[in-house]
Amino acid sequence: MRKALFVFFMMFWAAGITGLAEAGILDDILKKLPAAGSVAPSADPDQKTTTSGLKEALVISSKNAVKAVSKKDGYFGNPHVKIQLPNNVQKVADVVAKLGFQKQVDGLILSMNRAAEAAAPKAFPLFADAVKSMSIEDARKILQGGDTAATEYFKDKTSAKLYEEFKPVVAANMNRVGVAKAYKNMTAPYESLPLASKESMDLDHYVTRKALDGLFLIIAEEEKKIRTDPAARVTDLLKTVFGK
């Protein structure tokens, strides 16, 4: 077993991931969003203010969240969203580490988080679309909901599309790292077995799901700040809507 592990890691290990995707697209997309007051003409002034304020809150919270996780160590350096190995893989990793391959285990964890950081900028265009499509009724439900009602709105509107956008980027970045590629090659024959857990066998799927979970967690934190912390209401419109 030790010999097999040694051969496995020495054959497939290759360090590093090439840079992160640039998050500069966020500001450009933000400029294309409708003006804060652009809502249906039939809405009364209070409805217009409420809808505009919520749209502004959604834009700010999602922009801040995407920027936070897109930067280097956005996932890896944040213990709340850092992506760890699946439980089943961690058990194997613990054994491997004791055999002298802790560096390889650490490299696999780093590669998962770097892949998530590279995929994160893909989220903001979808969030922008969700903001533009928000109705007055959506705004009412969000305002009357809990501290993360807007985050739940984002989840409902964007989760499926985010997964489709994130996974190819995650896969491409993971495939650049030898140990991650070796792991995927090793487990591929078992992914279709009835008892195989997709969460632990398909590494691209696992990292994509964890990346989205972390992103929505950060968005929720940003939303809570706007709802509960006056200092986070950085525009007059937010102060008007959330200061009531």
C-alpha atoms as a PDB file:
ATOM      1  CA  MET A   1       0.000   0.000   0.000  1.00  0.00           C
ATOM      2  CA  ARG A   2       2.777   2.450   0.908  1.00  0.00           C
ATOM      3  CA  LYS A   3       4.541   1.784  -2.353  1.00  0.00           C
ATOM      4  CA  ALA A   4       1.328   2.370  -4.296  1.00  0.00           C
ATOM      5  CA  LEU A   5       0.685   5.631  -2.524  1.00  0.00           C
ATOM      6  CA  PHE A   6       4.237   6.740  -3.114  1.00  0.00           C
ATOM      7  CA  VAL A   7       4.034   5.967  -6.826  1.00  0.00           C
ATOM      8  CA  PHE A   8       0.627   7.642  -7.075  1.00  0.00           C
ATOM      9  CA  PHE A   9       1.739  10.917  -5.608  1.00  0.00           C
ATOM     10  CA  MET A  10       5.169  11.063  -7.179  1.00  0.00           C
ATOM     11  CA  MET A  11       3.747  10.404 -10.648  1.00  0.00           C
ATOM     12  CA  PHE A  12       0.919  12.874 -10.554  1.00  0.00           C
ATOM     13  CA  TRP A  13       1.882  15.669  -8.216  1.00  0.00           C
ATOM     14  CA  ALA A  14       2.450  19.044  -9.821  1.00  0.00           C
ATOM     15  CA  ALA A  15       2.267  22.260  -7.888  1.00  0.00           C
ATOM     16  CA  GLY A  16       0.335  25.457  -8.458  1.00  0.00           C
ATOM     17  CA  ILE A  17      -2.544  27.038 -10.302  1.00  0.00           C
ATOM     18  CA  THR A  18      -2.215  29.838 -12.801  1.00  0.00           C
ATOM     19  CA  GLY A  19      -3.655  33.076 -11.365  1.00  0.00           C
ATOM     20  CA  LEU A  20      -7.182  34.017 -10.543  1.00  0.00           C
ATOM     21  CA  ALA A  21      -9.855  35.263 -12.875  1.00  0.00           C
ATOM     22  CA  GLU A  22      -9.992  39.023 -12.830  1.00  0.00           C
ATOM     23  CA  ALA A  23     -12.967  40.506 -10.993  1.00  0.00           C
ATOM     24  CA  GLY A  24     -12.764  43.851 -12.752  1.00  0.00           C
ATOM     25  CA  ILE A  25     -15.837  42.968 -14.787  1.00  0.00           C
ATOM     26  CA  LEU A  26     -17.979  43.715 -11.755  1.00  0.00           C
ATOM     27  CA  ASP A  27     -17.834  47.483 -12.037  1.00  0.00           C
ATOM     28  CA  ASP A  28     -18.585  47.379 -15.770  1.00  0.00           C
ATOM     29  CA  ILE A  29     -21.653  45.228 -15.231  1.00  0.00           C
ATOM     30  CA  LEU A  30     -22.774  47.388 -12.331  1.00  0.00           C
ATOM     31  CA  LYS A  31     -22.811  50.441 -14.614  1.00  0.00           C
ATOM     32  CA  LYS A  32     -25.244  48.652 -16.938  1.00  0.00           C
ATOM     33  CA  LEU A  33     -27.857  48.053 -14.245  1.00  0.00           C
ATOM     34  CA  PRO A  34     -31.066  50.143 -14.367  1.00  0.00           C
ATOM     35  CA  ALA A  35     -31.071  53.370 -12.421  1.00  0.00           C
ATOM     36  CA  ALA A  36     -32.153  53.002  -8.840  1.00  0.00           C
ATOM     37  CA  GLY A  37     -35.580  54.528  -9.508  1.00  0.00           C
ATOM     38  CA  SER A  38     -36.425  52.589 -12.699  1.00  0.00           C
ATOM     39  CA  VAL A  39     -39.456  50.571 -11.655  1.00  0.00           C
ATOM     40  CA  ALA A  40     -42.885  50.044 -13.138  1.00  0.00           C
ATOM     41  CA  PRO A  41     -44.790  53.340 -13.698  1.00  0.00           C
ATOM     42  CA  SER A  42     -47.831  51.910 -11.923  1.00  0.00           C
ATOM     43  CA  ALA A  43     -46.004  51.636  -8.611  1.00  0.00           C
ATOM     44  CA  ASP A  44     -46.781  54.239  -5.979  1.00  0.00           C
ATOM     45  CA  PRO A  45     -43.875  56.312  -4.597  1.00  0.00           C
ATOM     46  CA  ASP A  46     -43.438  54.145  -1.504  1.00  0.00           C
ATOM     47  CA  GLN A  47     -43.309  50.972  -3.611  1.00  0.00           C
ATOM     48  CA  LYS A  48     -40.817  52.594  -5.950  1.00  0.00           C
ATOM     49  CA  THR A  49     -38.585  53.575  -3.048  1.00  0.00           C
ATOM     50  CA  THR A  50     -38.790  50.131  -1.486  1.00  0.00           C
ATOM     51  CA  THR A  51     -38.064  48.300  -4.736  1.00  0.00           C
ATOM     52  CA  SER A  52     -35.214  50.633  -5.625  1.00  0.00           C
ATOM     53  CA  GLY A  53     -33.704  50.311  -2.170  1.00  0.00           C
ATOM     54  CA  LEU A  54     -33.801  46.539  -2.254  1.00  0.00           C
ATOM     55  CA  LYS A  55     -32.260  46.445  -5.702  1.00  0.00           C
ATOM     56  CA  GLU A  56     -29.492  48.676  -4.457  1.00  0.00           C
ATOM     57  CA  ALA A  57     -28.962  46.433  -1.434  1.00  0.00           C
ATOM     58  CA  LEU A  58     -28.812  43.360  -3.655  1.00  0.00           C
ATOM     59  CA  VAL A  59     -26.295  44.944  -5.992  1.00  0.00           C
ATOM     60  CA  ILE A  60     -24.056  46.132  -3.155  1.00  0.00           C
ATOM     61  CA  SER A  61     -24.185  42.895  -1.173  1.00  0.00           C
ATOM     62  CA  SER A  62     -23.590  40.672  -4.196  1.00  0.00           C
ATOM     63  CA  LYS A  63     -20.805  42.869  -5.550  1.00  0.00           C
ATOM     64  CA  ASN A  64     -19.020  42.908  -2.189  1.00  0.00           C
ATOM     65  CA  ALA A  65     -19.419  39.161  -1.791  1.00  0.00           C
ATOM     66  CA  VAL A  66     -18.098  38.314  -5.248  1.00  0.00           C
ATOM     67  CA  LYS A  67     -15.114  40.609  -4.816  1.00  0.00           C
ATOM     68  CA  ALA A  68     -14.379  39.112  -1.403  1.00  0.00           C
ATOM     69  CA  VAL A  69     -14.179  35.517  -2.618  1.00  0.00           C
ATOM     70  CA  SER A  70     -12.624  36.268  -6.033  1.00  0.00           C
ATOM     71  CA  LYS A  71      -9.395  37.645  -4.605  1.00  0.00           C
ATOM     72  CA  LYS A  72      -6.438  35.460  -3.661  1.00  0.00           C
ATOM     73  CA  ASP A  73      -7.262  33.576  -0.471  1.00  0.00           C
ATOM     74  CA  GLY A  74     -10.880  34.711  -0.759  1.00  0.00           C
ATOM     75  CA  TYR A  75     -11.885  31.137   0.013  1.00  0.00           C
ATOM     76  CA  PHE A  76      -8.640  29.640   1.258  1.00  0.00           C
ATOM     77  CA  GLY A  77      -7.965  32.408   3.763  1.00  0.00           C
ATOM     78  CA  ASN A  78     -11.484  32.603   5.175  1.00  0.00           C
ATOM     79  CA  PRO A  79     -12.211  29.811   7.688  1.00  0.00           C
ATOM     80  CA  HIS A  80     -15.958  30.308   7.238  1.00  0.00           C
ATOM     81  CA  VAL A  81     -15.908  29.396   3.526  1.00  0.00           C
ATOM     82  CA  LYS A  82     -12.615  27.520   3.094  1.00  0.00           C
ATOM     83  CA  ILE A  83     -13.247  24.313   1.149  1.00  0.00           C
ATOM     84  CA  GLN A  84     -12.038  21.225   2.953  1.00  0.00           C
ATOM     85  CA  LEU A  85     -11.766  17.671   1.630  1.00  0.00           C
ATOM     86  CA  PRO A  86     -14.923  15.544   1.515  1.00  0.00           C
ATOM     87  CA  ASN A  87     -15.249  13.400   4.636  1.00  0.00           C
ATOM     88  CA  ASN A  88     -14.481  10.128   2.860  1.00  0.00           C
ATOM     89  CA  VAL A  89     -11.430  11.604   1.168  1.00  0.00           C
ATOM     90  CA  GLN A  90     -10.242  13.174   4.414  1.00  0.00           C
ATOM     91  CA  LYS A  91      -9.998   9.719   5.989  1.00  0.00           C
ATOM     92  CA  VAL A  92      -7.673   8.609   3.201  1.00  0.00           C
ATOM     93  CA  ALA A  93      -5.766  11.893   3.383  1.00  0.00           C
ATOM     94  CA  ASP A  94      -5.119  11.376   7.086  1.00  0.00           C
ATOM     95  CA  VAL A  95      -3.441   8.045   6.308  1.00  0.00           C
ATOM     96  CA  VAL A  96      -1.503   9.497   3.402  1.00  0.00           C
ATOM     97  CA  ALA A  97      -0.266  12.394   5.534  1.00  0.00           C
ATOM     98  CA  LYS A  98       1.138   9.964   8.099  1.00  0.00           C
ATOM     99  CA  LEU A  99       3.121   8.312   5.315  1.00  0.00           C
ATOM    100  CA  GLY A 100       4.894  11.577   4.580  1.00  0.00           C
ATOM    101  CA  PHE A 101       2.594  13.156   1.996  1.00  0.00           C
ATOM    102  CA  GLN A 102       1.120  16.026   4.017  1.00  0.00           C
ATOM    103  CA  LYS A 103       2.427  18.486   1.422  1.00  0.00           C
ATOM    104  CA  GLN A 104       0.419  16.759  -1.303  1.00  0.00           C
ATOM    105  CA  VAL A 105      -2.713  16.737   0.840  1.00  0.00           C
ATOM    106  CA  ASP A 106      -2.284  20.455   1.548  1.00  0.00           C
ATOM    107  CA  GLY A 107      -1.771  21.057  -2.152  1.00  0.00           C
ATOM    108  CA  LEU A 108      -5.032  19.345  -3.025  1.00  0.00           C
ATOM    109  CA  ILE A 109      -6.927  21.508  -0.530  1.00  0.00           C
ATOM    110  CA  LEU A 110      -5.257  24.648  -1.854  1.00  0.00           C
ATOM    111  CA  SER A 111      -6.110  23.697  -5.445  1.00  0.00           C
ATOM    112  CA  MET A 112      -9.809  23.309  -4.583  1.00  0.00           C
ATOM    113  CA  ASN A 113      -9.943  26.773  -3.044  1.00  0.00           C
ATOM    114  CA  ARG A 114      -7.989  28.401  -5.853  1.00  0.00           C
ATOM    115  CA  ALA A 115     -10.420  26.854  -8.354  1.00  0.00           C
ATOM    116  CA  ALA A 116     -13.346  28.329  -6.435  1.00  0.00           C
ATOM    117  CA  GLU A 117     -11.683  31.755  -6.366  1.00  0.00           C
ATOM    118  CA  ALA A 118     -11.156  31.592 -10.116  1.00  0.00           C
ATOM    119  CA  ALA A 119     -14.813  30.726 -10.756  1.00  0.00           C
ATOM    120  CA  ALA A 120     -16.339  33.353  -8.454  1.00  0.00           C
ATOM    121  CA  PRO A 121     -16.360  36.315 -10.913  1.00  0.00           C
ATOM    122  CA  LYS A 122     -18.802  34.339 -13.052  1.00  0.00           C
ATOM    123  CA  ALA A 123     -21.473  35.020 -10.437  1.00  0.00           C
ATOM    124  CA  PHE A 124     -22.021  38.751 -10.728  1.00  0.00           C
ATOM    125  CA  PRO A 125     -23.599  38.862 -14.221  1.00  0.00           C
ATOM    126  CA  LEU A 126     -26.200  36.356 -13.037  1.00  0.00           C
ATOM    127  CA  PHE A 127     -26.829  38.336  -9.875  1.00  0.00           C
ATOM    128  CA  ALA A 128     -27.238  41.470 -11.989  1.00  0.00           C
ATOM    129  CA  ASP A 129     -29.879  39.716 -14.107  1.00  0.00           C
ATOM    130  CA  ALA A 130     -31.707  38.609 -10.958  1.00  0.00           C
ATOM    131  CA  VAL A 131     -31.753  42.203  -9.693  1.00  0.00           C
ATOM    132  CA  LYS A 132     -33.129  43.540 -12.974  1.00  0.00           C
ATOM    133  CA  SER A 133     -35.932  40.962 -12.998  1.00  0.00           C
ATOM    134  CA  MET A 134     -37.037  41.617  -9.405  1.00  0.00           C
ATOM    135  CA  SER A 135     -40.697  42.613  -9.193  1.00  0.00           C
ATOM    136  CA  ILE A 136     -42.452  44.847  -6.670  1.00  0.00           C
ATOM    137  CA  GLU A 137     -43.993  41.711  -5.145  1.00  0.00           C
ATOM    138  CA  ASP A 138     -40.524  40.165  -4.817  1.00  0.00           C
ATOM    139  CA  ALA A 139     -39.392  43.347  -3.072  1.00  0.00           C
ATOM    140  CA  ARG A 140     -42.305  43.237  -0.655  1.00  0.00           C
ATOM    141  CA  LYS A 141     -41.588  39.613   0.296  1.00  0.00           C
ATOM    142  CA  ILE A 142     -37.907  40.313   0.776  1.00  0.00           C
ATOM    143  CA  LEU A 143     -38.478  43.388   2.918  1.00  0.00           C
ATOM    144  CA  GLN A 144     -40.944  41.497   5.118  1.00  0.00           C
ATOM    145  CA  GLY A 145     -38.727  38.423   5.298  1.00  0.00           C
ATOM    146  CA  GLY A 146     -35.859  37.517   7.595  1.00  0.00           C
ATOM    147  CA  ASP A 147     -32.312  38.856   7.662  1.00  0.00           C
ATOM    148  CA  THR A 148     -31.325  36.728   4.644  1.00  0.00           C
ATOM    149  CA  ALA A 149     -34.519  36.927   2.562  1.00  0.00           C
ATOM    150  CA  ALA A 150     -32.678  38.666  -0.282  1.00  0.00           C
ATOM    151  CA  THR A 151     -29.982  35.985  -0.244  1.00  0.00           C
ATOM    152  CA  GLU A 152     -32.684  33.322  -0.515  1.00  0.00           C
ATOM    153  CA  TYR A 153     -34.097  35.234  -3.506  1.00  0.00           C
ATOM    154  CA  PHE A 154     -30.677  35.062  -5.150  1.00  0.00           C
ATOM    155  CA  LYS A 155     -30.413  31.344  -4.439  1.00  0.00           C
ATOM    156  CA  ASP A 156     -33.790  30.685  -6.009  1.00  0.00           C
ATOM    157  CA  LYS A 157     -33.068  32.753  -9.106  1.00  0.00           C
ATOM    158  CA  THR A 158     -29.430  31.897  -9.778  1.00  0.00           C
ATOM    159  CA  SER A 159     -28.319  28.589  -8.187  1.00  0.00           C
ATOM    160  CA  ALA A 160     -28.817  26.359 -11.230  1.00  0.00           C
ATOM    161  CA  LYS A 161     -27.183  28.815 -13.640  1.00  0.00           C
ATOM    162  CA  LEU A 162     -24.338  29.500 -11.219  1.00  0.00           C
ATOM    163  CA  TYR A 163     -23.565  25.805 -11.053  1.00  0.00           C
ATOM    164  CA  GLU A 164     -23.390  25.638 -14.860  1.00  0.00           C
ATOM    165  CA  GLU A 165     -21.054  28.646 -14.971  1.00  0.00           C
ATOM    166  CA  PHE A 166     -18.838  27.611 -12.070  1.00  0.00           C
ATOM    167  CA  LYS A 167     -18.214  23.944 -12.794  1.00  0.00           C
ATOM    168  CA  PRO A 168     -16.267  24.296 -16.091  1.00  0.00           C
ATOM    169  CA  VAL A 169     -13.976  26.895 -14.509  1.00  0.00           C
ATOM    170  CA  VAL A 170     -13.467  24.723 -11.449  1.00  0.00           C
ATOM    171  CA  ALA A 171     -12.707  21.680 -13.609  1.00  0.00           C
ATOM    172  CA  ALA A 172     -10.217  23.564 -15.784  1.00  0.00           C
ATOM    173  CA  ASN A 173      -8.325  24.871 -12.770  1.00  0.00           C
ATOM    174  CA  MET A 174      -8.348  21.548 -10.945  1.00  0.00           C
ATOM    175  CA  ASN A 175      -6.992  19.775 -14.020  1.00  0.00           C
ATOM    176  CA  ARG A 176      -3.912  22.003 -13.946  1.00  0.00           C
ATOM    177  CA  VAL A 177      -2.861  20.530 -10.617  1.00  0.00           C
ATOM    178  CA  GLY A 178      -1.283  17.096 -10.792  1.00  0.00           C
ATOM    179  CA  VAL A 179      -2.556  15.661  -7.529  1.00  0.00           C
ATOM    180  CA  ALA A 180      -6.115  16.866  -8.183  1.00  0.00           C
ATOM    181  CA  LYS A 181      -6.067  15.410 -11.693  1.00  0.00           C
ATOM    182  CA  ALA A 182      -4.653  12.156 -10.366  1.00  0.00           C
ATOM    183  CA  TYR A 183      -7.378  11.943  -7.743  1.00  0.00           C
ATOM    184  CA  LYS A 184     -10.061  12.470 -10.375  1.00  0.00           C
ATOM    185  CA  ASN A 185      -8.553   9.832 -12.663  1.00  0.00           C
ATOM    186  CA  MET A 186      -8.380   7.380  -9.806  1.00  0.00           C
ATOM    187  CA  THR A 187     -12.001   7.827  -8.713  1.00  0.00           C
ATOM    188  CA  ALA A 188     -13.655   8.184 -12.131  1.00  0.00           C
ATOM    189  CA  PRO A 189     -14.404   4.441 -12.560  1.00  0.00           C
ATOM    190  CA  TYR A 190     -16.292   4.418  -9.266  1.00  0.00           C
ATOM    191  CA  GLU A 191     -18.501   7.462  -9.752  1.00  0.00           C
ATOM    192  CA  SER A 192     -21.248   5.492 -11.504  1.00  0.00           C
ATOM    193  CA  LEU A 193     -21.493   2.796  -8.839  1.00  0.00           C
ATOM    194  CA  PRO A 194     -24.841   2.730  -6.951  1.00  0.00           C
ATOM    195  CA  LEU A 195     -23.251   3.236  -3.547  1.00  0.00           C
ATOM    196  CA  ALA A 196     -20.830   5.938  -4.633  1.00  0.00           C
ATOM    197  CA  SER A 197     -21.509   9.400  -3.220  1.00  0.00           C
ATOM    198  CA  LYS A 198     -21.282  12.100  -5.858  1.00  0.00           C
ATOM    199  CA  GLU A 199     -20.329  14.600  -3.183  1.00  0.00           C
ATOM    200  CA  SER A 200     -17.148  12.726  -2.367  1.00  0.00           C
ATOM    201  CA  MET A 201     -16.334  11.027  -5.672  1.00  0.00           C
ATOM    202  CA  ASP A 202     -16.807  13.837  -8.217  1.00  0.00           C
ATOM    203  CA  LEU A 203     -14.322  16.452  -7.058  1.00  0.00           C
ATOM    204  CA  ASP A 204     -15.455  19.092  -9.577  1.00  0.00           C
ATOM    205  CA  HIS A 205     -19.043  18.754  -8.400  1.00  0.00           C
ATOM    206  CA  TYR A 206     -17.983  18.875  -4.765  1.00  0.00           C
ATOM    207  CA  VAL A 207     -15.835  21.992  -5.166  1.00  0.00           C
ATOM    208  CA  THR A 208     -18.518  23.740  -7.235  1.00  0.00           C
ATOM    209  CA  ARG A 209     -21.198  23.099  -4.633  1.00  0.00           C
ATOM    210  CA  LYS A 210     -18.941  24.225  -1.789  1.00  0.00           C
ATOM    211  CA  ALA A 211     -17.922  27.339  -3.728  1.00  0.00           C
ATOM    212  CA  LEU A 212     -21.563  28.319  -4.161  1.00  0.00           C
ATOM    213  CA  ASP A 213     -22.353  27.594  -0.513  1.00  0.00           C
ATOM    214  CA  GLY A 214     -19.507  29.872   0.533  1.00  0.00           C
ATOM    215  CA  LEU A 215     -20.543  32.631  -1.855  1.00  0.00           C
ATOM    216  CA  PHE A 216     -24.121  32.659  -0.577  1.00  0.00           C
ATOM    217  CA  LEU A 217     -22.836  32.666   2.993  1.00  0.00           C
ATOM    218  CA  ILE A 218     -20.852  35.830   2.291  1.00  0.00           C
ATOM    219  CA  ILE A 219     -23.844  37.435   0.549  1.00  0.00           C
ATOM    220  CA  ALA A 220     -25.981  36.643   3.585  1.00  0.00           C
ATOM    221  CA  GLU A 221     -23.426  38.319   5.843  1.00  0.00           C
ATOM    222  CA  GLU A 222     -23.443  41.413   3.625  1.00  0.00           C
ATOM    223  CA  GLU A 223     -27.237  41.484   3.637  1.00  0.00           C
ATOM    224  CA  LYS A 224     -27.368  41.246   7.421  1.00  0.00           C
ATOM    225  CA  LYS A 225     -24.986  44.194   7.686  1.00  0.00           C
ATOM    226  CA  ILE A 226     -27.241  46.369   5.534  1.00  0.00           C
ATOM    227  CA  ARG A 227     -30.337  45.364   7.494  1.00  0.00           C
ATOM    228  CA  THR A 228     -28.879  45.715  10.992  1.00  0.00           C
ATOM    229  CA  ASP A 229     -25.851  48.029  10.848  1.00  0.00           C
ATOM    230  CA  PRO A 230     -26.504  51.699   9.995  1.00  0.00           C
ATOM    231  CA  ALA A 231     -22.843  52.095   9.005  1.00  0.00           C
ATOM    232  CA  ALA A 232     -23.368  49.580   6.168  1.00  0.00           C
ATOM    233  CA  ARG A 233     -26.108  51.701   4.587  1.00  0.00           C
ATOM    234  CA  VAL A 234     -23.741  53.609   2.368  1.00  0.00           C
ATOM    235  CA  THR A 235     -26.322  55.445   0.232  1.00  0.00           C
ATOM    236  CA  ASP A 236     -29.257  57.718   1.053  1.00  0.00           C
ATOM    237  CA  LEU A 237     -31.655  55.236  -0.526  1.00  0.00           C
ATOM    238  CA  LEU A 238     -30.489  52.409   1.713  1.00  0.00           C
ATOM    239  CA  LYS A 239     -30.804  54.667   4.733  1.00  0.00           C
ATOM    240  CA  THR A 240     -34.362  55.539   3.707  1.00  0.00           C
ATOM    241  CA  VAL A 241     -35.516  51.953   3.149  1.00  0.00           C
ATOM    242  CA  PHE A 242     -33.638  50.100   5.892  1.00  0.00           C
ATOM    243  CA  GLY A 243     -33.585  52.887   8.451  1.00  0.00           C
ATOM    244  CA  LYS A 244     -37.336  52.739   8.933  1.00  0.00           C
END
